[in-house]
């Protein structure tokens, strides 16, 4: 076989080639890599992984000398709100003046502003905007991700968002997991139970059109209760969906325990998760998806208890939480920096959290997050000499070349049109 492309002289080639789909506890501090590695592919599928010395006799059409640079799997972003209308920079002044978020909501701002903008934006414009943000995510090294709805809060706009995601799934060569987050907030002047019943009525249609793999809910004080969340997600599971929870972001309500009880794919945020919930992750396959960019952007002091979750044997993933209100960034590398500085995660734990564990959190453990013969050639060459350098050196884009399915998608930190 003649390979299309062979990368040689990879200073460290991170394979993330574990025997399990999920890396938990002490194992998160391990990192499988090959010194002076080589990796090659044909027709977008990896055909060789080994050392540069062993690869000398392999026939190939194109050879790329990595000159000792770090090479890794493409990164996985397991929590984004990719599709939305408008933006919220006009609220900055109010936030700086200390205007409470609830007051901003009363003035039509906050999530209500984004909901109105998303309702008013056409499918085509939402698609164009989502493509713009997706290109930027790719430029930072994301080659697989999750995208949520949740800025419609009524049937037609929620469907519009999910149909945009489906169009992205078919038109872009990037794996995207679609999540229905109709229960993102309670619309104004609406009974929460009536609203949840309306969202539940969409489950059959979502299955029929194949618009979502996951159902999510914002379980939080003033939004949806534990009882409402349990009932809603149980019905989602009965309808054939995997489930996720926006859990314990502000108040220790018990959403994390509920996620583990329901064997959710992930529990996300978790800043206020109880000590009991943190301990439970050690005997659960539910992934703790942590979003330090949101804590940073909201200027909060308390971050999620990553160290405790890992020390109790749990699995942690990291995500941007890209959204227009509380985390307007596509820079997953900055999230890695924050994980080191604020979550006190080791460099090894961070790389596991943005690859293999992130893939597991969105049901993509079979196609993303690791390098193996027979898998997609989603590969990154980094302008970095080793894996410690990327979390260490903050505020810049370290990607040299991003390959998606074996094709160059970004180079020099910029997406290739």
Protein backbone atom coordinates (compact mmCIF):
# COMPACT_ATOMS: atom_id res chain seq x y z
CA UNK A 1 0.00 0.00 0.00
CA UNK A 2 1.21 3.49 -0.85
CA UNK A 3 0.20 6.02 1.83
CA UNK A 4 -1.14 9.43 0.89
CA UNK A 5 0.69 11.18 3.75
CA UNK A 6 3.28 10.16 6.32
CA UNK A 7 4.30 12.38 9.23
CA UNK A 8 7.81 11.64 10.49
CA UNK A 9 10.02 12.98 13.29
CA UNK A 10 7.12 13.64 15.62
CA UNK A 11 8.94 14.57 18.85
CA UNK A 12 6.08 13.11 20.88
CA UNK A 13 3.23 11.32 19.13
CA UNK A 14 0.32 11.13 21.58
CA UNK A 15 -1.84 8.15 20.63
CA UNK A 16 -4.25 8.05 23.61
CA UNK A 17 -4.44 4.35 22.72
CA UNK A 18 -5.98 2.93 25.89
CA UNK A 19 -7.66 -0.44 26.29
CA UNK A 20 -10.77 1.30 27.67
CA UNK A 21 -13.10 3.95 26.27
CA UNK A 22 -12.87 6.04 29.44
CA UNK A 23 -9.83 7.09 31.47
CA UNK A 24 -10.58 7.49 35.19
CA UNK A 25 -8.87 8.42 38.41
CA UNK A 26 -5.14 7.75 38.63
CA UNK A 27 -5.04 6.57 35.03
CA UNK A 28 -5.82 10.13 33.92
CA UNK A 29 -2.27 10.98 34.96
CA UNK A 30 -0.91 8.56 32.36
CA UNK A 31 -0.31 9.47 28.72
CA UNK A 32 0.52 6.98 25.94
CA UNK A 33 2.95 8.46 23.40
CA UNK A 34 5.73 7.45 21.04
CA UNK A 35 9.05 9.28 21.02
CA UNK A 36 10.24 10.23 17.52
CA UNK A 37 6.98 8.87 16.19
CA UNK A 38 5.50 8.56 12.72
CA UNK A 39 1.89 8.31 11.54
CA UNK A 40 0.52 7.78 8.04
CA UNK A 41 -2.82 7.50 6.32
CA UNK A 42 -4.54 6.71 3.04
CA UNK A 43 -7.95 7.98 1.95
CA UNK A 44 -8.35 9.66 5.34
CA UNK A 45 -7.85 6.46 7.33
CA UNK A 46 -4.80 5.82 9.52
CA UNK A 47 -2.72 2.92 8.22
CA UNK A 48 0.51 3.23 10.21
CA UNK A 49 1.55 4.31 13.70
CA UNK A 50 5.05 3.68 14.98
CA UNK A 51 8.53 5.17 15.08
CA UNK A 52 10.17 7.20 12.34
CA UNK A 53 12.93 4.61 12.08
CA UNK A 54 10.43 1.81 11.47
CA UNK A 55 8.62 3.92 8.86
CA UNK A 56 11.68 4.48 6.63
CA UNK A 57 10.70 1.82 4.07
CA UNK A 58 7.01 2.75 3.84
CA UNK A 59 5.97 4.03 0.41
CA UNK A 60 4.10 7.35 0.45
CA UNK A 61 3.11 10.14 -1.85
CA UNK A 62 3.71 12.94 0.64
CA UNK A 63 6.13 13.17 3.56
CA UNK A 64 5.87 15.84 6.27
CA UNK A 65 8.87 16.27 8.54
CA UNK A 66 7.49 17.42 11.89
CA UNK A 67 10.98 18.41 13.04
CA UNK A 68 10.41 17.26 16.61
CA UNK A 69 7.04 18.92 17.06
CA UNK A 70 4.25 17.48 19.19
CA UNK A 71 1.60 15.50 17.27
CA UNK A 72 -1.74 14.49 18.82
CA UNK A 73 -5.27 13.40 17.98
CA UNK A 74 -7.67 16.19 17.09
CA UNK A 75 -9.30 17.70 20.17
CA UNK A 76 -12.92 17.03 21.13
CA UNK A 77 -15.18 19.78 22.51
CA UNK A 78 -18.04 18.01 24.34
CA UNK A 79 -20.16 21.04 25.30
CA UNK A 80 -20.97 23.91 22.93
CA UNK A 81 -23.97 26.05 22.07
CA UNK A 82 -22.85 26.42 18.47
CA UNK A 83 -26.09 27.62 16.85
CA UNK A 84 -27.54 30.94 17.99
CA UNK A 85 -28.54 34.34 16.69
CA UNK A 86 -27.06 37.69 17.69
CA UNK A 87 -24.52 38.31 20.45
CA UNK A 88 -24.53 40.02 23.84
CA UNK A 89 -21.61 42.43 23.97
CA UNK A 90 -24.09 45.28 24.63
CA UNK A 91 -24.60 43.85 28.14
CA UNK A 92 -20.95 44.34 29.17
CA UNK A 93 -21.47 47.81 30.62
CA UNK A 94 -24.40 46.64 32.77
CA UNK A 95 -22.38 43.71 34.07
CA UNK A 96 -19.45 45.97 34.91
CA UNK A 97 -21.80 48.28 36.83
CA UNK A 98 -22.92 45.33 38.91
CA UNK A 99 -26.43 45.04 37.49
CA UNK A 100 -27.68 41.60 38.63
CA UNK A 101 -28.32 39.03 35.94
CA UNK A 102 -31.99 38.78 36.95
CA UNK A 103 -32.36 42.51 36.34
CA UNK A 104 -30.73 42.13 32.93
CA UNK A 105 -33.28 39.40 32.23
CA UNK A 106 -36.14 41.71 33.22
CA UNK A 107 -34.87 44.22 30.68
CA UNK A 108 -35.05 41.58 27.94
CA UNK A 109 -31.36 40.72 28.11
CA UNK A 110 -29.50 37.58 29.06
CA UNK A 111 -30.76 34.37 27.51
CA UNK A 112 -34.03 36.09 26.53
CA UNK A 113 -32.04 38.36 24.21
CA UNK A 114 -30.43 35.38 22.51
CA UNK A 115 -33.74 33.53 22.28
CA UNK A 116 -35.36 36.48 20.51
CA UNK A 117 -32.39 36.91 18.17
CA UNK A 118 -32.39 33.19 17.33
CA UNK A 119 -36.12 33.23 16.63
CA UNK A 120 -35.63 36.23 14.33
CA UNK A 121 -32.66 34.77 12.42
CA UNK A 122 -33.27 32.74 9.26
CA UNK A 123 -32.07 29.17 8.85
CA UNK A 124 -29.52 30.29 6.25
CA UNK A 125 -28.10 33.02 8.48
CA UNK A 126 -27.91 30.68 11.47
CA UNK A 127 -26.10 28.16 9.27
CA UNK A 128 -23.60 30.76 8.04
CA UNK A 129 -22.95 31.96 11.57
CA UNK A 130 -22.50 28.42 12.90
CA UNK A 131 -20.07 27.65 10.07
CA UNK A 132 -18.03 30.73 11.00
CA UNK A 133 -17.75 29.64 14.63
CA UNK A 134 -17.08 26.01 13.63
CA UNK A 135 -14.18 27.13 11.44
CA UNK A 136 -12.71 29.01 14.38
CA UNK A 137 -13.09 25.97 16.67
CA UNK A 138 -11.24 23.90 14.06
CA UNK A 139 -8.46 26.48 13.86
CA UNK A 140 -7.79 25.88 17.58
CA UNK A 141 -7.63 22.12 17.06
CA UNK A 142 -11.22 20.87 17.54
CA UNK A 143 -12.01 18.07 15.11
CA UNK A 144 -15.15 16.67 16.81
CA UNK A 145 -17.72 18.36 19.00
CA UNK A 146 -21.20 18.53 20.48
CA UNK A 147 -23.74 21.22 19.56
CA UNK A 148 -26.85 22.02 21.60
CA UNK A 149 -30.12 23.72 20.80
CA UNK A 150 -31.79 25.69 23.60
CA UNK A 151 -32.22 29.21 22.25
CA UNK A 152 -35.70 28.66 20.90
CA UNK A 153 -37.70 27.65 23.96
CA UNK A 154 -40.50 26.81 21.55
CA UNK A 155 -40.95 24.09 18.99
CA UNK A 156 -40.18 25.77 15.67
CA UNK A 157 -36.98 27.55 16.71
CA UNK A 158 -35.65 24.52 18.55
CA UNK A 159 -36.23 22.49 15.40
CA UNK A 160 -34.56 25.21 13.32
CA UNK A 161 -31.43 25.04 15.48
CA UNK A 162 -31.29 21.25 15.34
CA UNK A 163 -31.81 21.25 11.57
CA UNK A 164 -28.86 23.63 11.25
CA UNK A 165 -26.78 21.12 13.20
CA UNK A 166 -27.98 18.32 10.92
CA UNK A 167 -26.99 20.35 7.87
CA UNK A 168 -23.54 20.85 9.40
CA UNK A 169 -23.31 17.12 10.03
CA UNK A 170 -23.96 16.39 6.36
CA UNK A 171 -22.03 19.28 4.77
CA UNK A 172 -18.92 19.37 6.94
CA UNK A 173 -16.41 16.57 7.40
CA UNK A 174 -16.47 17.04 11.19
CA UNK A 175 -18.28 14.66 13.59
CA UNK A 176 -20.91 16.66 15.49
CA UNK A 177 -23.09 15.21 18.24
CA UNK A 178 -26.49 16.92 18.39
CA UNK A 179 -28.16 17.63 21.74
CA UNK A 180 -31.73 18.81 22.29
CA UNK A 181 -31.67 21.40 25.07
CA UNK A 182 -35.21 22.68 24.74
CA UNK A 183 -35.33 22.72 28.56
CA UNK A 184 -32.65 25.41 28.78
CA UNK A 185 -34.79 27.96 30.60
CA UNK A 186 -38.41 28.65 31.46
CA UNK A 187 -39.98 31.08 28.99
CA UNK A 188 -41.45 34.19 30.56
CA UNK A 189 -45.03 33.90 31.81
CA UNK A 190 -45.00 30.12 31.32
CA UNK A 191 -45.73 27.27 33.72
CA UNK A 192 -42.58 25.08 33.87
CA UNK A 193 -44.52 21.80 33.90
CA UNK A 194 -46.61 22.83 30.90
CA UNK A 195 -43.46 23.91 29.08
CA UNK A 196 -41.67 20.62 29.78
CA UNK A 197 -44.69 18.73 28.51
CA UNK A 198 -44.44 20.69 25.25
CA UNK A 199 -40.75 19.84 24.95
CA UNK A 200 -41.46 16.15 25.67
CA UNK A 201 -44.00 16.16 22.83
CA UNK A 202 -41.08 16.80 20.44
CA UNK A 203 -39.20 13.59 21.27
CA UNK A 204 -40.94 11.45 18.63
CA UNK A 205 -40.31 14.03 15.90
CA UNK A 206 -36.67 14.38 16.88
CA UNK A 207 -36.25 10.63 16.53
CA UNK A 208 -38.14 10.53 13.24
CA UNK A 209 -35.95 13.24 11.69
CA UNK A 210 -32.78 12.02 13.45
CA UNK A 211 -32.20 15.48 14.87
CA UNK A 212 -30.61 14.63 18.22
CA UNK A 213 -28.67 11.90 19.98
CA UNK A 214 -28.88 13.47 23.45
CA UNK A 215 -31.46 15.28 25.56
CA UNK A 216 -30.22 17.82 28.12
CA UNK A 217 -31.88 19.94 30.82
CA UNK A 218 -30.77 22.89 32.97
CA UNK A 219 -31.33 21.56 36.48
CA UNK A 220 -30.83 24.61 38.67
CA UNK A 221 -32.57 26.70 41.32
CA UNK A 222 -35.11 28.92 39.60
CA UNK A 223 -35.05 26.84 36.42
CA UNK A 224 -35.98 23.12 36.63
CA UNK A 225 -36.15 21.11 39.85
CA UNK A 226 -34.71 17.68 40.56
CA UNK A 227 -38.18 16.14 40.30
CA UNK A 228 -38.92 17.86 36.98
CA UNK A 229 -35.50 16.92 35.61
CA UNK A 230 -35.83 13.28 36.67
CA UNK A 231 -39.24 12.94 35.05
CA UNK A 232 -38.19 14.71 31.85
CA UNK A 233 -34.95 12.79 31.36
CA UNK A 234 -36.55 9.47 32.23
CA UNK A 235 -39.06 10.05 29.43
CA UNK A 236 -36.18 11.01 27.12
CA UNK A 237 -34.42 7.75 27.91
CA UNK A 238 -37.64 5.81 27.29
CA UNK A 239 -37.84 7.55 23.89
CA UNK A 240 -34.37 6.23 23.05
CA UNK A 241 -32.12 9.19 23.81
CA UNK A 242 -28.97 9.33 25.87
CA UNK A 243 -29.18 12.10 28.46
CA UNK A 244 -27.05 14.90 29.88
CA UNK A 245 -27.59 17.46 32.65
CA UNK A 246 -26.50 21.04 33.20
CA UNK A 247 -25.97 20.27 36.89
CA UNK A 248 -25.16 22.22 40.06
CA UNK A 249 -23.69 25.23 38.29
CA UNK A 250 -24.79 27.74 40.94
CA UNK A 251 -26.56 25.89 43.77
CA UNK A 252 -25.94 22.38 45.13
CA UNK A 253 -29.35 21.16 44.06
CA UNK A 254 -28.48 17.51 43.46
CA UNK A 255 -28.31 17.51 39.66
CA UNK A 256 -24.97 15.73 39.72
CA UNK A 257 -26.35 12.87 41.83
CA UNK A 258 -29.32 12.70 39.46
CA UNK A 259 -27.02 12.45 36.44
CA UNK A 260 -25.17 9.52 38.02
CA UNK A 261 -28.44 7.89 39.11
CA UNK A 262 -29.77 8.08 35.54
CA UNK A 263 -26.44 6.89 34.08
CA UNK A 264 -26.24 10.09 32.05
CA UNK A 265 -23.50 10.37 29.46
CA UNK A 266 -22.27 13.46 31.25
CA UNK A 267 -22.94 15.89 34.05
CA UNK A 268 -21.77 19.38 33.08
CA UNK A 269 -20.64 22.50 35.04
CA UNK A 270 -20.62 21.03 38.61
CA UNK A 271 -19.16 24.07 40.39
CA UNK A 272 -21.53 23.53 43.31
CA UNK A 273 -21.58 19.72 43.20
CA UNK A 274 -21.79 18.15 46.65
CA UNK A 275 -19.01 16.13 48.25
CA UNK A 276 -21.20 13.05 47.93
CA UNK A 277 -21.68 13.60 44.19
CA UNK A 278 -17.97 14.12 43.67
CA UNK A 279 -17.26 10.81 45.39
CA UNK A 280 -19.92 8.98 43.35
CA UNK A 281 -18.08 9.69 40.07
CA UNK A 282 -15.52 7.06 41.09
CA UNK A 283 -18.05 4.26 40.64
CA UNK A 284 -19.84 5.71 37.64
CA UNK A 285 -19.29 5.87 33.89
CA UNK A 286 -20.86 9.35 33.78
CA UNK A 287 -18.26 11.86 32.61
CA UNK A 288 -17.78 15.08 34.56
CA UNK A 289 -17.61 17.74 31.84
CA UNK A 290 -16.02 20.83 33.37
CA UNK A 291 -16.29 24.32 31.89
CA UNK A 292 -13.69 26.59 33.53
CA UNK A 293 -14.08 29.22 30.81
CA UNK A 294 -17.58 29.98 32.10
CA UNK A 295 -16.37 30.44 35.67
CA UNK A 296 -13.55 32.66 34.40
CA UNK A 297 -15.78 34.81 32.17
CA UNK A 298 -18.40 35.30 34.88
CA UNK A 299 -15.59 36.37 37.21
CA UNK A 300 -16.48 33.79 39.85
CA UNK A 301 -14.01 32.59 42.44
CA UNK A 302 -15.07 28.96 42.82
CA UNK A 303 -14.20 26.44 40.14
CA UNK A 304 -15.38 22.85 39.76
CA UNK A 305 -13.66 20.29 41.98
CA UNK A 306 -11.61 18.55 39.31
CA UNK A 307 -8.96 17.31 41.73
CA UNK A 308 -11.51 15.70 44.03
CA UNK A 309 -13.37 14.04 41.14
CA UNK A 310 -10.15 12.55 39.82
CA UNK A 311 -8.87 11.58 43.27
CA UNK A 312 -12.10 9.68 43.92
CA UNK A 313 -11.59 7.78 40.66
CA UNK A 314 -13.87 9.75 38.35
CA UNK A 315 -13.46 10.75 34.71
CA UNK A 316 -13.10 14.41 33.78
CA UNK A 317 -13.52 16.05 30.37
CA UNK A 318 -13.05 19.71 29.45
CA UNK A 319 -15.12 21.88 27.11
CA UNK A 320 -15.37 25.48 25.96
CA UNK A 321 -19.12 25.88 26.69
CA UNK A 322 -18.97 28.22 23.67
CA UNK A 323 -22.08 30.42 23.92
CA UNK A 324 -23.00 34.10 23.52
CA UNK A 325 -23.54 34.90 27.20
CA UNK A 326 -21.28 33.17 29.72
CA UNK A 327 -18.42 31.77 27.62
CA UNK A 328 -18.02 33.48 24.24
CA UNK A 329 -14.83 31.68 23.19
CA UNK A 330 -13.93 28.99 20.68
CA UNK A 331 -10.42 28.67 22.14
CA UNK A 332 -10.21 25.23 23.73
CA UNK A 333 -6.49 25.76 24.28
CA UNK A 334 -7.32 28.55 26.72
CA UNK A 335 -9.62 26.10 28.52
CA UNK A 336 -6.61 23.79 28.84
CA UNK A 337 -4.63 26.69 30.34
CA UNK A 338 -7.42 27.35 32.86
CA UNK A 339 -7.59 23.66 33.74
CA UNK A 340 -3.93 23.80 34.75
CA UNK A 341 -4.15 27.12 36.60
CA UNK A 342 -7.60 26.97 38.21
CA UNK A 343 -8.62 23.30 38.28
CA UNK A 344 -5.10 22.20 39.30
CA UNK A 345 -5.09 19.42 36.72
CA UNK A 346 -1.83 17.92 35.53
CA UNK A 347 -0.82 18.22 31.89
CA UNK A 348 -1.46 14.49 31.43
CA UNK A 349 -4.96 14.79 32.88
CA UNK A 350 -5.70 17.77 30.66
CA UNK A 351 -4.81 15.94 27.45
CA UNK A 352 -6.95 12.97 28.45
CA UNK A 353 -9.79 15.39 29.23
CA UNK A 354 -9.81 16.97 25.76
CA UNK A 355 -9.43 13.74 23.81
CA UNK A 356 -10.52 10.28 24.97
CA UNK A 357 -12.82 11.36 27.83
CA UNK A 358 -14.37 14.19 25.84
CA UNK A 359 -15.13 11.75 23.03
CA UNK A 360 -16.79 9.35 25.48
CA UNK A 361 -18.95 12.16 26.88
CA UNK A 362 -20.60 12.67 23.47
CA UNK A 363 -20.74 9.05 22.33
CA UNK A 364 -17.84 9.38 19.90
CA UNK A 365 -15.40 7.03 21.61
CA UNK A 366 -15.34 4.88 18.47
CA UNK A 367 -14.29 7.62 16.06
CA UNK A 368 -12.62 10.48 17.94
CA UNK A 369 -10.14 11.25 20.69
CA UNK A 370 -7.37 8.77 19.92
CA UNK A 371 -5.04 7.67 17.12
CA UNK A 372 -5.34 4.04 16.01
CA UNK A 373 -4.88 2.17 12.76
CA UNK A 374 -8.26 2.03 11.03
CA UNK A 375 -9.56 5.28 12.53
CA UNK A 376 -10.11 8.67 10.89
CA UNK A 377 -6.93 10.67 10.39
CA UNK A 378 -7.92 13.60 12.62
CA UNK A 379 -4.45 14.74 13.59
CA UNK A 380 -2.76 17.90 14.84
CA UNK A 381 0.82 19.04 14.42
CA UNK A 382 1.57 21.59 17.16
CA UNK A 383 4.05 24.44 17.34
CA UNK A 384 5.20 22.90 20.60
CA UNK A 385 8.11 20.63 21.53
CA UNK A 386 6.15 18.54 24.05
CA UNK A 387 2.70 18.04 25.52
CA UNK A 388 3.40 20.20 28.61
CA UNK A 389 4.01 23.28 26.47
CA UNK A 390 0.43 23.81 25.26
CA UNK A 391 -1.22 24.11 28.73
CA UNK A 392 1.81 26.08 29.96
CA UNK A 393 2.02 28.82 27.29
CA UNK A 394 -1.31 30.61 27.38
CA UNK A 395 -3.19 33.07 25.22
CA UNK A 396 -1.97 32.02 21.77
CA UNK A 397 -2.93 29.43 19.17
CA UNK A 398 -0.34 26.64 19.07
CA UNK A 399 -1.72 24.66 16.13
CA UNK A 400 0.66 24.27 13.21
CA UNK A 401 -1.52 22.05 11.00
CA UNK A 402 -4.93 20.51 11.66
CA UNK A 403 -5.85 17.48 9.54
CA UNK A 404 -9.47 16.34 9.39
CA UNK A 405 -9.97 12.97 7.74
CA UNK A 406 -6.46 13.29 6.36
CA UNK A 407 -6.99 16.68 4.70
CA UNK A 408 -5.47 19.96 5.86
CA UNK A 409 -8.27 21.97 7.50
CA UNK A 410 -6.25 24.66 9.29
CA UNK A 411 -2.68 25.85 9.05
CA UNK A 412 -0.71 28.38 11.05
CA UNK A 413 -3.68 28.88 13.38
CA UNK A 414 -6.06 29.83 10.57
CA UNK A 415 -8.87 27.83 9.00
CA UNK A 416 -8.27 26.98 5.34
CA UNK A 417 -11.20 28.00 3.15
